[in-house]
Every structure is written in structure tokens, then in C-alpha cells.
PDB file of N, CA and C in Angstrom:
ATOM      1  N   VAL A   1      40.867 -22.919  -5.471  1.00  0.00           N
ATOM      2  CA  VAL A   1      41.727 -21.811  -5.532  1.00  0.00           C
ATOM      3  C   VAL A   1      42.954 -22.005  -4.684  1.00  0.00           C
ATOM      4  N   ARG A   2      44.103 -21.750  -5.189  1.00  0.00           N
ATOM      5  CA  ARG A   2      45.328 -21.970  -4.437  1.00  0.00           C
ATOM      6  C   ARG A   2      45.373 -21.246  -3.139  1.00  0.00           C
ATOM      7  N   GLY A   3      45.728 -21.967  -2.079  1.00  0.00           N
ATOM      8  CA  GLY A   3      45.792 -21.392  -0.703  1.00  0.00           C
ATOM      9  C   GLY A   3      44.571 -21.444   0.070  1.00  0.00           C
ATOM     10  N   ILE A   4      43.523 -21.994  -0.507  1.00  0.00           N
ATOM     11  CA  ILE A   4      42.250 -22.109   0.251  1.00  0.00           C
ATOM     12  C   ILE A   4      42.076 -23.555   0.641  1.00  0.00           C
ATOM     13  N   ASN A   5      41.906 -23.839   1.880  1.00  0.00           N
ATOM     14  CA  ASN A   5      41.724 -25.219   2.327  1.00  0.00           C
ATOM     15  C   ASN A   5      40.259 -25.532   2.525  1.00  0.00           C
ATOM     16  N   LEU A   6      39.827 -26.607   1.862  1.00  0.00           N
ATOM     17  CA  LEU A   6      38.405 -27.010   1.935  1.00  0.00           C
ATOM     18  C   LEU A   6      37.939 -27.289   3.375  1.00  0.00           C
ATOM     19  N   GLY A   7      38.792 -27.836   4.178  1.00  0.00           N
ATOM     20  CA  GLY A   7      38.457 -28.073   5.659  1.00  0.00           C
ATOM     21  C   GLY A   7      38.209 -26.798   6.354  1.00  0.00           C
ATOM     22  N   ASP A   8      39.045 -25.731   6.080  1.00  0.00           N
ATOM     23  CA  ASP A   8      38.782 -24.497   6.693  1.00  0.00           C
ATOM     24  C   ASP A   8      37.524 -23.857   6.258  1.00  0.00           C
ATOM     25  N   LEU A   9      37.155 -24.055   4.985  1.00  0.00           N
ATOM     26  CA  LEU A   9      35.890 -23.468   4.508  1.00  0.00           C
ATOM     27  C   LEU A   9      34.687 -24.184   5.144  1.00  0.00           C
ATOM     28  N   ARG A  10      34.764 -25.465   5.401  1.00  0.00           N
ATOM     29  CA  ARG A  10      33.705 -26.146   6.071  1.00  0.00           C
ATOM     30  C   ARG A  10      33.474 -25.717   7.522  1.00  0.00           C
ATOM     31  N   LYS A  11      34.503 -25.242   8.134  1.00  0.00           N
ATOM     32  CA  LYS A  11      34.438 -24.836   9.510  1.00  0.00           C
ATOM     33  C   LYS A  11      33.960 -23.325   9.602  1.00  0.00           C
ATOM     34  N   MET A  12      34.027 -22.624   8.503  1.00  0.00           N
ATOM     35  CA  MET A  12      33.694 -21.215   8.499  1.00  0.00           C
ATOM     36  C   MET A  12      32.185 -20.986   8.747  1.00  0.00           C
ATOM     37  N   PRO A  13      31.850 -20.127   9.775  1.00  0.00           N
ATOM     38  CA  PRO A  13      30.419 -19.897  10.025  1.00  0.00           C
ATOM     39  C   PRO A  13      29.835 -19.058   8.900  1.00  0.00           C
ATOM     40  N   ILE A  14      28.583 -19.362   8.527  1.00  0.00           N
ATOM     41  CA  ILE A  14      27.908 -18.583   7.522  1.00  0.00           C
ATOM     42  C   ILE A  14      26.740 -17.802   8.163  1.00  0.00           C
ATOM     43  N   PRO A  15      26.861 -16.495   8.160  1.00  0.00           N
ATOM     44  CA  PRO A  15      25.793 -15.727   8.814  1.00  0.00           C
ATOM     45  C   PRO A  15      24.435 -15.875   8.074  1.00  0.00           C
ATOM     46  N   VAL A  16      23.366 -16.065   8.834  1.00  0.00           N
ATOM     47  CA  VAL A  16      22.071 -16.310   8.218  1.00  0.00           C
ATOM     48  C   VAL A  16      21.166 -15.183   8.913  1.00  0.00           C
ATOM     49  N   PRO A  17      20.510 -14.375   8.200  1.00  0.00           N
ATOM     50  CA  PRO A  17      19.595 -13.446   8.832  1.00  0.00           C
ATOM     51  C   PRO A  17      18.414 -14.147   9.505  1.00  0.00           C
ATOM     52  N   SER A  18      17.854 -13.478  10.501  1.00  0.00           N
ATOM     53  CA  SER A  18      16.693 -14.035  11.238  1.00  0.00           C
ATOM     54  C   SER A  18      15.548 -14.162  10.274  1.00  0.00           C
ATOM     55  N   THR A  19      14.561 -14.980  10.669  1.00  0.00           N
ATOM     56  CA  THR A  19      13.349 -15.130   9.833  1.00  0.00           C
ATOM     57  C   THR A  19      12.681 -13.866   9.618  1.00  0.00           C
ATOM     58  N   ALA A  20      12.638 -12.971  10.652  1.00  0.00           N
ATOM     59  CA  ALA A  20      11.942 -11.640  10.566  1.00  0.00           C
ATOM     60  C   ALA A  20      12.670 -10.835   9.516  1.00  0.00           C
ATOM     61  N   GLU A  21      13.982 -10.846   9.533  1.00  0.00           N
ATOM     62  CA  GLU A  21      14.764 -10.038   8.570  1.00  0.00           C
ATOM     63  C   GLU A  21      14.576 -10.552   7.155  1.00  0.00           C
ATOM     64  N   GLN A  22      14.453 -11.920   6.958  1.00  0.00           N
ATOM     65  CA  GLN A  22      14.253 -12.476   5.675  1.00  0.00           C
ATOM     66  C   GLN A  22      12.839 -12.060   5.164  1.00  0.00           C
ATOM     67  N   GLU A  23      11.897 -12.086   6.109  1.00  0.00           N
ATOM     68  CA  GLU A  23      10.515 -11.705   5.694  1.00  0.00           C
ATOM     69  C   GLU A  23      10.496 -10.216   5.294  1.00  0.00           C
ATOM     70  N   GLU A  24      11.190  -9.401   6.022  1.00  0.00           N
ATOM     71  CA  GLU A  24      11.217  -7.949   5.703  1.00  0.00           C
ATOM     72  C   GLU A  24      11.792  -7.698   4.372  1.00  0.00           C
ATOM     73  N   PHE A  25      12.910  -8.401   4.096  1.00  0.00           N
ATOM     74  CA  PHE A  25      13.574  -8.285   2.830  1.00  0.00           C
ATOM     75  C   PHE A  25      12.701  -8.702   1.720  1.00  0.00           C
ATOM     76  N   SER A  26      12.039  -9.904   1.960  1.00  0.00           N
ATOM     77  CA  SER A  26      11.057 -10.354   0.874  1.00  0.00           C
ATOM     78  C   SER A  26       9.993  -9.423   0.650  1.00  0.00           C
ATOM     79  N   SER A  27       9.494  -8.788   1.629  1.00  0.00           N
ATOM     80  CA  SER A  27       8.370  -7.770   1.483  1.00  0.00           C
ATOM     81  C   SER A  27       8.822  -6.591   0.720  1.00  0.00           C
ATOM     82  N   GLN A  28      10.000  -6.160   1.012  1.00  0.00           N
ATOM     83  CA  GLN A  28      10.610  -4.970   0.271  1.00  0.00           C
ATOM     84  C   GLN A  28      10.877  -5.317  -1.144  1.00  0.00           C
ATOM     85  N   VAL A  29      11.313  -6.517  -1.445  1.00  0.00           N
ATOM     86  CA  VAL A  29      11.491  -6.915  -2.810  1.00  0.00           C
ATOM     87  C   VAL A  29      10.103  -6.953  -3.575  1.00  0.00           C
ATOM     88  N   ARG A  30       9.125  -7.480  -2.876  1.00  0.00           N
ATOM     89  CA  ARG A  30       7.766  -7.489  -3.537  1.00  0.00           C
ATOM     90  C   ARG A  30       7.285  -6.025  -3.802  1.00  0.00           C
ATOM     91  N   GLN A  31       7.486  -5.078  -2.907  1.00  0.00           N
ATOM     92  CA  GLN A  31       7.049  -3.753  -3.097  1.00  0.00           C
ATOM     93  C   GLN A  31       7.858  -3.104  -4.218  1.00  0.00           C
ATOM     94  N   ILE A  32       9.107  -3.402  -4.301  1.00  0.00           N
ATOM     95  CA  ILE A  32       9.935  -2.863  -5.433  1.00  0.00           C
ATOM     96  C   ILE A  32       9.505  -3.398  -6.763  1.00  0.00           C
ATOM     97  N   ASN A  33       9.191  -4.610  -6.742  1.00  0.00           N
ATOM     98  CA  ASN A  33       8.632  -5.212  -8.039  1.00  0.00           C
ATOM     99  C   ASN A  33       7.267  -4.639  -8.471  1.00  0.00           C
ATOM    100  N   ILE A  34       6.408  -4.311  -7.479  1.00  0.00           N
ATOM    101  CA  ILE A  34       5.129  -3.687  -7.818  1.00  0.00           C
ATOM    102  C   ILE A  34       5.400  -2.245  -8.340  1.00  0.00           C
ATOM    103  N   LEU A  35       6.343  -1.569  -7.775  1.00  0.00           N
ATOM    104  CA  LEU A  35       6.602  -0.202  -8.272  1.00  0.00           C
ATOM    105  C   LEU A  35       7.296  -0.287  -9.618  1.00  0.00           C
ATOM    106  N   LYS A  36       8.146  -1.255  -9.827  1.00  0.00           N
ATOM    107  CA  LYS A  36       8.778  -1.445 -11.071  1.00  0.00           C
ATOM    108  C   LYS A  36       7.771  -1.701 -12.212  1.00  0.00           C
ATOM    109  N   ARG A  37       6.799  -2.535 -11.965  1.00  0.00           N
ATOM    110  CA  ARG A  37       5.720  -2.879 -12.970  1.00  0.00           C
ATOM    111  C   ARG A  37       4.862  -1.585 -13.278  1.00  0.00           C
ATOM    112  N   LYS A  38       4.620  -0.786 -12.135  1.00  0.00           N
ATOM    113  CA  LYS A  38       3.812   0.417 -12.390  1.00  0.00           C
ATOM    114  C   LYS A  38       4.605   1.373 -13.228  1.00  0.00           C
ATOM    115  N   GLN A  39       5.914   1.604 -12.985  1.00  0.00           N
ATOM    116  CA  GLN A  39       6.734   2.437 -13.766  1.00  0.00           C
ATOM    117  C   GLN A  39       6.803   2.008 -15.214  1.00  0.00           C
ATOM    118  N   GLN A  40       6.966   0.658 -15.469  1.00  0.00           N
ATOM    119  CA  GLN A  40       7.081   0.237 -16.843  1.00  0.00           C
ATOM    120  C   GLN A  40       5.702   0.443 -17.512  1.00  0.00           C
ATOM    121  N   SER A  41       4.664   0.306 -16.882  1.00  0.00           N
ATOM    122  CA  SER A  41       3.320   0.542 -17.493  1.00  0.00           C
ATOM    123  C   SER A  41       3.183   2.000 -17.767  1.00  0.00           C
ATOM    124  N   ALA A  42       3.575   2.898 -16.881  1.00  0.00           N
ATOM    125  CA  ALA A  42       3.468   4.375 -17.137  1.00  0.00           C
ATOM    126  C   ALA A  42       4.352   4.753 -18.293  1.00  0.00           C
ATOM    127  N   LEU A  43       5.564   4.193 -18.324  1.00  0.00           N
ATOM    128  CA  LEU A  43       6.455   4.463 -19.473  1.00  0.00           C
ATOM    129  C   LEU A  43       5.903   4.089 -20.800  1.00  0.00           C
ATOM    130  N   GLY A  44       5.250   2.941 -20.825  1.00  0.00           N
ATOM    131  CA  GLY A  44       4.566   2.545 -22.007  1.00  0.00           C
ATOM    132  C   GLY A  44       3.439   3.467 -22.500  1.00  0.00           C
ATOM    133  N   ALA A  45       2.614   3.888 -21.519  1.00  0.00           N
ATOM    134  CA  ALA A  45       1.615   4.856 -21.754  1.00  0.00           C
ATOM    135  C   ALA A  45       2.217   6.168 -22.299  1.00  0.00           C
ATOM    136  N   PHE A  46       3.322   6.648 -21.700  1.00  0.00           N
ATOM    137  CA  PHE A  46       3.874   7.920 -22.130  1.00  0.00           C
ATOM    138  C   PHE A  46       4.446   7.765 -23.540  1.00  0.00           C
ATOM    139  N   ASP A  47       5.027   6.574 -23.837  1.00  0.00           N
ATOM    140  CA  ASP A  47       5.529   6.352 -25.188  1.00  0.00           C
ATOM    141  C   ASP A  47       4.438   6.404 -26.214  1.00  0.00           C
ATOM    142  N   ASP A  48       3.300   5.822 -25.831  1.00  0.00           N
ATOM    143  CA  ASP A  48       2.140   5.789 -26.778  1.00  0.00           C
ATOM    144  C   ASP A  48       1.654   7.248 -27.023  1.00  0.00           C
ATOM    145  N   LEU A  49       1.565   8.033 -25.924  1.00  0.00           N
ATOM    146  CA  LEU A  49       1.051   9.352 -26.019  1.00  0.00           C
ATOM    147  C   LEU A  49       2.040  10.161 -26.839  1.00  0.00           C
ATOM    148  N   PHE A  50       3.326  10.065 -26.661  1.00  0.00           N
ATOM    149  CA  PHE A  50       4.323  10.804 -27.344  1.00  0.00           C
ATOM    150  C   PHE A  50       4.190  10.450 -28.821  1.00  0.00           C
ATOM    151  N   ALA A  51       4.092   9.189 -29.204  1.00  0.00           N
ATOM    152  CA  ALA A  51       4.021   8.805 -30.602  1.00  0.00           C
ATOM    153  C   ALA A  51       2.800   9.364 -31.225  1.00  0.00           C
ATOM    154  N   SER A  52       1.658   9.414 -30.513  1.00  0.00           N
ATOM    155  CA  SER A  52       0.448  10.052 -31.018  1.00  0.00           C
ATOM    156  C   SER A  52       0.656  11.518 -31.254  1.00  0.00           C
ATOM    157  N   LEU A  53       1.244  12.176 -30.286  1.00  0.00           N
ATOM    158  CA  LEU A  53       1.518  13.655 -30.415  1.00  0.00           C
ATOM    159  C   LEU A  53       2.389  13.873 -31.617  1.00  0.00           C
ATOM    160  N   GLN A  54       3.450  13.103 -31.722  1.00  0.00           N
ATOM    161  CA  GLN A  54       4.353  13.305 -32.942  1.00  0.00           C
ATOM    162  C   GLN A  54       3.618  13.139 -34.175  1.00  0.00           C
ATOM    163  N   SER A  55       2.819  12.072 -34.332  1.00  0.00           N
ATOM    164  CA  SER A  55       2.065  11.838 -35.538  1.00  0.00           C
ATOM    165  C   SER A  55       1.157  13.003 -35.828  1.00  0.00           C
ATOM    166  N   ARG A  56       0.431  13.498 -34.852  1.00  0.00           N
ATOM    167  CA  ARG A  56      -0.497  14.569 -35.127  1.00  0.00           C
ATOM    168  C   ARG A  56       0.322  15.841 -35.476  1.00  0.00           C
ATOM    169  N   ALA A  57       1.424  16.051 -34.854  1.00  0.00           N
ATOM    170  CA  ALA A  57       2.232  17.252 -35.200  1.00  0.00           C
ATOM    171  C   ALA A  57       2.811  17.228 -36.631  1.00  0.00           C
ATOM    172  N   PHE A  58       3.211  16.032 -37.052  1.00  0.00           N
ATOM    173  CA  PHE A  58       3.773  15.897 -38.427  1.00  0.00           C
ATOM    174  C   PHE A  58       2.690  15.950 -39.482  1.00  0.00           C
ATOM    175  N   ARG A  59       1.419  15.654 -39.098  1.00  0.00           N
ATOM    176  CA  ARG A  59       0.349  15.761 -40.036  1.00  0.00           C
ATOM    177  C   ARG A  59      -0.274  17.141 -40.014  1.00  0.00           C
ATOM    178  N   GLY A  60       0.261  17.975 -39.182  1.00  0.00           N
ATOM    179  CA  GLY A  60      -0.281  19.353 -39.078  1.00  0.00           C
ATOM    180  C   GLY A  60      -1.635  19.506 -38.357  1.00  0.00           C
ATOM    181  N   GLU A  61      -1.919  18.589 -37.520  1.00  0.00           N
ATOM    182  CA  GLU A  61      -3.150  18.601 -36.810  1.00  0.00           C
ATOM    183  C   GLU A  61      -3.119  19.381 -35.483  1.00  0.00           C
ATOM    184  N   LEU A  62      -2.015  19.866 -35.095  1.00  0.00           N
ATOM    185  CA  LEU A  62      -1.924  20.624 -33.884  1.00  0.00           C
ATOM    186  C   LEU A  62      -2.010  22.105 -34.065  1.00  0.00           C
TER     187      LEU A  62
END
């Protein structure tokens, strides 16, 4: 990129979170993924129930 000097970039400090912060972040990501899978599973179950309800309603079984 015009105006950016590679030498200056090499000197630039890169902040790195502590190991404890990295582990906490990783733990939170795992928990979010667990919740996400549960929500996706529940959504699939609701879709199945709704399809069943629709089917029964259109057949006049309700």
C-alpha cells in the first residue's frame, strides 16, 4: 500500500492477550457453539412439529 513502509511495520508492536484471556475467550466460544447447536436442534424440532400441525390441519384432523 502506498505510504506504508515495511520496515515501520516490522517495528510495530502487536498486542497479544495473556494466556488467561485467550483461554477465557476460547471457553466462551465453546459455550456459544454449544448454545448454537442446541438452538439449531430446537429449531429443527419446531419445524417438524409445525409441519405436522399444518398437515393435520389441512387434512381436517384438528
